[in-house]
């Protein structure tokens, strides 16, 4: 791995860490439920990107499968939360 790529990956992970901390702040302080749901969606997007960067850094395909699982569970959870906010119940 080239030194430039190594530095870029560390920089990307640091940026994702800062973004995750700011998103957690919005998740805890958010004035409405919609803000909290959007913060949760953004948090799982950050988690996907961080796992992908770790997969590139460690040259392992298992990280990409983990990112796919995070994406699937994040989509299902955000769809369930949106339905709950609209109708007040998840299962009809």
N, C-alpha and C. Protein backbone atom coordinates (compact mmCIF):
# COMPACT_ATOMS: atom_id res chain seq x y z
N UNK A 1 0.84 -1.17 0.00
CA UNK A 1 0.00 0.00 0.00
C UNK A 1 0.89 1.24 0.00
N UNK A 2 0.54 2.18 -0.84
CA UNK A 2 1.35 3.38 -0.94
C UNK A 2 1.12 4.28 0.28
N UNK A 3 2.11 5.10 0.62
CA UNK A 3 1.95 5.98 1.78
C UNK A 3 0.84 7.01 1.59
N UNK A 4 0.62 7.45 0.36
CA UNK A 4 -0.44 8.43 0.12
C UNK A 4 -1.81 7.80 0.38
N UNK A 5 -2.01 6.56 -0.08
CA UNK A 5 -3.27 5.87 0.17
C UNK A 5 -3.47 5.62 1.66
N UNK A 6 -2.41 5.27 2.36
CA UNK A 6 -2.51 5.03 3.80
C UNK A 6 -2.93 6.30 4.53
N UNK A 7 -2.34 7.42 4.18
CA UNK A 7 -2.69 8.70 4.81
C UNK A 7 -4.12 9.09 4.46
N UNK A 8 -4.52 8.86 3.21
CA UNK A 8 -5.88 9.20 2.78
C UNK A 8 -6.92 8.36 3.52
N UNK A 9 -6.62 7.08 3.74
CA UNK A 9 -7.56 6.22 4.46
C UNK A 9 -7.68 6.63 5.92
N UNK A 10 -6.57 7.00 6.54
CA UNK A 10 -6.62 7.47 7.92
C UNK A 10 -7.39 8.78 8.02
N UNK A 11 -7.17 9.67 7.07
CA UNK A 11 -7.91 10.94 7.04
C UNK A 11 -9.40 10.70 6.86
N UNK A 12 -9.76 9.76 5.98
CA UNK A 12 -11.18 9.45 5.76
C UNK A 12 -11.81 8.88 7.02
N UNK A 13 -11.10 8.00 7.70
CA UNK A 13 -11.64 7.43 8.94
C UNK A 13 -11.81 8.51 10.01
N UNK A 14 -10.88 9.45 10.08
CA UNK A 14 -11.00 10.55 11.04
C UNK A 14 -12.21 11.42 10.72
N UNK A 15 -12.41 11.71 9.44
CA UNK A 15 -13.58 12.50 9.03
C UNK A 15 -14.88 11.77 9.34
N UNK A 16 -14.91 10.45 9.12
CA UNK A 16 -16.10 9.68 9.44
C UNK A 16 -16.35 9.65 10.94
N UNK A 17 -15.29 9.62 11.73
CA UNK A 17 -15.44 9.66 13.18
C UNK A 17 -16.03 10.98 13.65
N UNK A 18 -15.55 12.08 13.09
CA UNK A 18 -16.10 13.39 13.44
C UNK A 18 -17.55 13.50 13.02
N UNK A 19 -17.86 13.01 11.83
CA UNK A 19 -19.24 13.05 11.35
C UNK A 19 -20.14 12.18 12.23
N UNK A 20 -19.64 11.05 12.69
CA UNK A 20 -20.44 10.18 13.56
C UNK A 20 -20.72 10.84 14.90
N UNK A 21 -19.73 11.54 15.45
CA UNK A 21 -19.95 12.23 16.73
C UNK A 21 -20.98 13.34 16.57
N UNK A 22 -20.89 14.11 15.49
CA UNK A 22 -21.87 15.17 15.26
C UNK A 22 -23.26 14.60 15.01
N UNK A 23 -23.33 13.47 14.33
CA UNK A 23 -24.62 12.83 14.08
C UNK A 23 -25.22 12.28 15.37
N UNK A 24 -24.38 11.71 16.23
CA UNK A 24 -24.88 11.25 17.53
C UNK A 24 -25.42 12.41 18.36
N UNK A 25 -24.77 13.55 18.26
CA UNK A 25 -25.27 14.73 18.96
C UNK A 25 -26.66 15.10 18.45
N UNK A 26 -26.86 15.07 17.12
CA UNK A 26 -28.17 15.39 16.55
C UNK A 26 -29.19 14.32 16.93
N UNK A 27 -28.75 13.08 17.03
CA UNK A 27 -29.65 11.99 17.41
C UNK A 27 -30.15 12.17 18.84
N UNK A 28 -29.28 12.63 19.73
CA UNK A 28 -29.67 12.79 21.13
C UNK A 28 -30.42 14.10 21.39
N UNK A 29 -30.06 15.17 20.67
CA UNK A 29 -30.62 16.49 20.95
C UNK A 29 -31.76 16.85 20.00
N UNK A 30 -31.88 16.16 18.89
CA UNK A 30 -32.84 16.50 17.84
C UNK A 30 -34.18 16.98 18.35
N UNK A 31 -34.66 18.11 17.84
CA UNK A 31 -35.91 18.66 18.37
C UNK A 31 -37.15 17.83 18.02
N UNK A 32 -37.13 17.09 16.95
CA UNK A 32 -38.31 16.31 16.57
C UNK A 32 -37.91 14.87 16.26
N UNK A 33 -38.91 14.03 16.16
CA UNK A 33 -38.66 12.62 15.86
C UNK A 33 -38.13 12.45 14.44
N UNK A 34 -38.56 13.30 13.52
CA UNK A 34 -38.07 13.21 12.15
C UNK A 34 -36.58 13.50 12.07
N UNK A 35 -36.12 14.48 12.85
CA UNK A 35 -34.68 14.77 12.89
C UNK A 35 -33.89 13.59 13.43
N UNK A 36 -34.44 12.92 14.42
CA UNK A 36 -33.75 11.77 14.99
C UNK A 36 -33.69 10.60 14.01
N UNK A 37 -34.76 10.39 13.25
CA UNK A 37 -34.76 9.31 12.25
C UNK A 37 -33.76 9.62 11.16
N UNK A 38 -33.70 10.85 10.71
CA UNK A 38 -32.71 11.22 9.69
C UNK A 38 -31.29 11.09 10.21
N UNK A 39 -31.07 11.42 11.47
CA UNK A 39 -29.75 11.25 12.07
C UNK A 39 -29.38 9.77 12.14
N UNK A 40 -30.34 8.92 12.44
CA UNK A 40 -30.09 7.49 12.48
C UNK A 40 -29.76 6.96 11.09
N UNK A 41 -30.46 7.44 10.07
CA UNK A 41 -30.15 7.05 8.69
C UNK A 41 -28.74 7.48 8.30
N UNK A 42 -28.40 8.69 8.64
CA UNK A 42 -27.07 9.18 8.31
C UNK A 42 -25.99 8.43 9.08
N UNK A 43 -26.31 8.02 10.31
CA UNK A 43 -25.35 7.27 11.11
C UNK A 43 -25.06 5.91 10.50
N UNK A 44 -26.07 5.24 9.98
CA UNK A 44 -25.77 3.95 9.36
C UNK A 44 -25.06 4.14 8.02
N UNK A 45 -25.29 5.24 7.34
CA UNK A 45 -24.51 5.52 6.12
C UNK A 45 -23.04 5.74 6.46
N UNK A 46 -22.78 6.46 7.53
CA UNK A 46 -21.41 6.67 7.97
C UNK A 46 -20.77 5.34 8.36
N UNK A 47 -21.53 4.48 9.02
CA UNK A 47 -21.00 3.17 9.41
C UNK A 47 -20.65 2.34 8.18
N UNK A 48 -21.48 2.39 7.16
CA UNK A 48 -21.19 1.66 5.92
C UNK A 48 -19.89 2.16 5.30
N UNK A 49 -19.76 3.47 5.21
CA UNK A 49 -18.56 4.04 4.61
C UNK A 49 -17.30 3.73 5.41
N UNK A 50 -17.40 3.78 6.73
CA UNK A 50 -16.25 3.47 7.57
C UNK A 50 -15.84 2.01 7.42
N UNK A 51 -16.81 1.11 7.34
CA UNK A 51 -16.50 -0.30 7.16
C UNK A 51 -15.86 -0.53 5.80
N UNK A 52 -16.34 0.16 4.77
CA UNK A 52 -15.74 0.02 3.45
C UNK A 52 -14.30 0.53 3.43
N UNK A 53 -14.05 1.64 4.10
CA UNK A 53 -12.67 2.15 4.17
C UNK A 53 -11.78 1.17 4.93
N UNK A 54 -12.29 0.58 5.99
CA UNK A 54 -11.51 -0.42 6.72
C UNK A 54 -11.25 -1.65 5.85
N UNK A 55 -12.22 -2.01 5.00
CA UNK A 55 -12.02 -3.12 4.09
C UNK A 55 -10.93 -2.84 3.07
N UNK A 56 -10.87 -1.63 2.59
CA UNK A 56 -9.80 -1.25 1.66
C UNK A 56 -8.45 -1.25 2.38
N UNK A 57 -8.45 -0.75 3.61
CA UNK A 57 -7.19 -0.66 4.37
C UNK A 57 -6.64 -2.05 4.70
N UNK A 58 -7.51 -2.99 5.05
CA UNK A 58 -7.06 -4.32 5.45
C UNK A 58 -7.10 -5.33 4.31
N UNK A 59 -7.53 -4.91 3.13
CA UNK A 59 -7.65 -5.76 1.94
C UNK A 59 -8.36 -7.08 2.24
N UNK A 60 -9.56 -6.96 2.80
CA UNK A 60 -10.36 -8.13 3.13
C UNK A 60 -11.76 -7.96 2.57
N UNK A 61 -12.29 -9.01 1.98
CA UNK A 61 -13.62 -8.96 1.39
C UNK A 61 -14.72 -9.09 2.44
N UNK A 62 -14.39 -9.54 3.63
CA UNK A 62 -15.40 -9.70 4.68
C UNK A 62 -16.00 -8.36 5.11
N UNK A 63 -15.24 -7.31 5.03
CA UNK A 63 -15.75 -5.99 5.39
C UNK A 63 -16.86 -5.55 4.42
N UNK A 64 -16.74 -5.91 3.17
CA UNK A 64 -17.74 -5.52 2.20
C UNK A 64 -19.06 -6.25 2.44
N UNK A 65 -18.98 -7.49 2.90
CA UNK A 65 -20.18 -8.22 3.26
C UNK A 65 -20.82 -7.61 4.51
N UNK A 66 -20.01 -7.19 5.45
CA UNK A 66 -20.53 -6.53 6.64
C UNK A 66 -21.21 -5.21 6.28
N UNK A 67 -20.64 -4.48 5.33
CA UNK A 67 -21.26 -3.22 4.89
C UNK A 67 -22.60 -3.49 4.22
N UNK A 68 -22.71 -4.57 3.49
CA UNK A 68 -23.97 -4.93 2.86
C UNK A 68 -25.02 -5.26 3.91
N UNK A 69 -24.64 -5.97 4.96
CA UNK A 69 -25.58 -6.28 6.03
C UNK A 69 -26.03 -5.01 6.77
N UNK A 70 -25.10 -4.09 7.00
CA UNK A 70 -25.47 -2.83 7.65
C UNK A 70 -26.45 -2.06 6.77
N UNK A 71 -26.23 -2.06 5.46
CA UNK A 71 -27.12 -1.35 4.54
C UNK A 71 -28.52 -1.96 4.55
N UNK A 72 -28.60 -3.28 4.56
CA UNK A 72 -29.91 -3.93 4.56
C UNK A 72 -30.68 -3.67 5.85
N UNK A 73 -30.03 -3.81 6.98
CA UNK A 73 -30.72 -3.57 8.24
C UNK A 73 -31.06 -2.09 8.42
N UNK A 74 -30.21 -1.21 7.92
CA UNK A 74 -30.50 0.22 8.00
C UNK A 74 -31.69 0.60 7.16
N UNK A 75 -31.82 0.01 5.97
CA UNK A 75 -32.96 0.32 5.12
C UNK A 75 -34.25 -0.17 5.75
N UNK A 76 -34.24 -1.37 6.27
CA UNK A 76 -35.45 -1.92 6.90
C UNK A 76 -35.84 -1.11 8.13
N UNK A 77 -34.86 -0.73 8.92
CA UNK A 77 -35.18 0.04 10.13
C UNK A 77 -35.68 1.44 9.79
N UNK A 78 -35.13 2.08 8.77
CA UNK A 78 -35.61 3.41 8.42
C UNK A 78 -37.01 3.34 7.80
N UNK A 79 -37.30 2.29 7.04
CA UNK A 79 -38.65 2.12 6.50
C UNK A 79 -39.65 1.88 7.63
N UNK A 80 -39.28 1.09 8.61
CA UNK A 80 -40.17 0.83 9.75
C UNK A 80 -40.40 2.10 10.56
N UNK A 81 -39.35 2.88 10.78
CA UNK A 81 -39.51 4.12 11.54
C UNK A 81 -40.38 5.13 10.79
N UNK A 82 -40.20 5.20 9.48
CA UNK A 82 -41.03 6.13 8.69
C UNK A 82 -42.50 5.72 8.75
N UNK A 83 -42.77 4.43 8.66
CA UNK A 83 -44.15 3.96 8.73
C UNK A 83 -44.72 4.22 10.12
N UNK A 84 -43.91 4.04 11.15
CA UNK A 84 -44.38 4.31 12.51
C UNK A 84 -44.69 5.79 12.70
N UNK A 85 -43.86 6.66 12.15
CA UNK A 85 -44.10 8.10 12.30
C UNK A 85 -45.33 8.55 11.52
N UNK A 86 -45.62 7.91 10.39
CA UNK A 86 -46.78 8.30 9.59
C UNK A 86 -48.08 7.76 10.17
N UNK A 87 -48.10 6.47 10.57
CA UNK A 87 -49.34 5.83 10.94
C UNK A 87 -49.47 5.52 12.42
N UNK A 88 -48.39 5.52 13.16
CA UNK A 88 -48.45 5.21 14.57
C UNK A 88 -48.31 3.74 14.89
N UNK A 89 -48.19 2.90 13.88
CA UNK A 89 -47.99 1.47 14.11
C UNK A 89 -47.15 0.92 12.96
N UNK A 90 -46.41 -0.14 13.23
CA UNK A 90 -45.54 -0.72 12.22
C UNK A 90 -46.23 -1.86 11.51
N UNK A 91 -46.87 -2.74 12.25
CA UNK A 91 -47.53 -3.90 11.68
C UNK A 91 -49.04 -3.65 11.72
N UNK A 92 -49.68 -3.81 10.57
CA UNK A 92 -51.13 -3.57 10.52
C UNK A 92 -51.89 -4.85 10.75
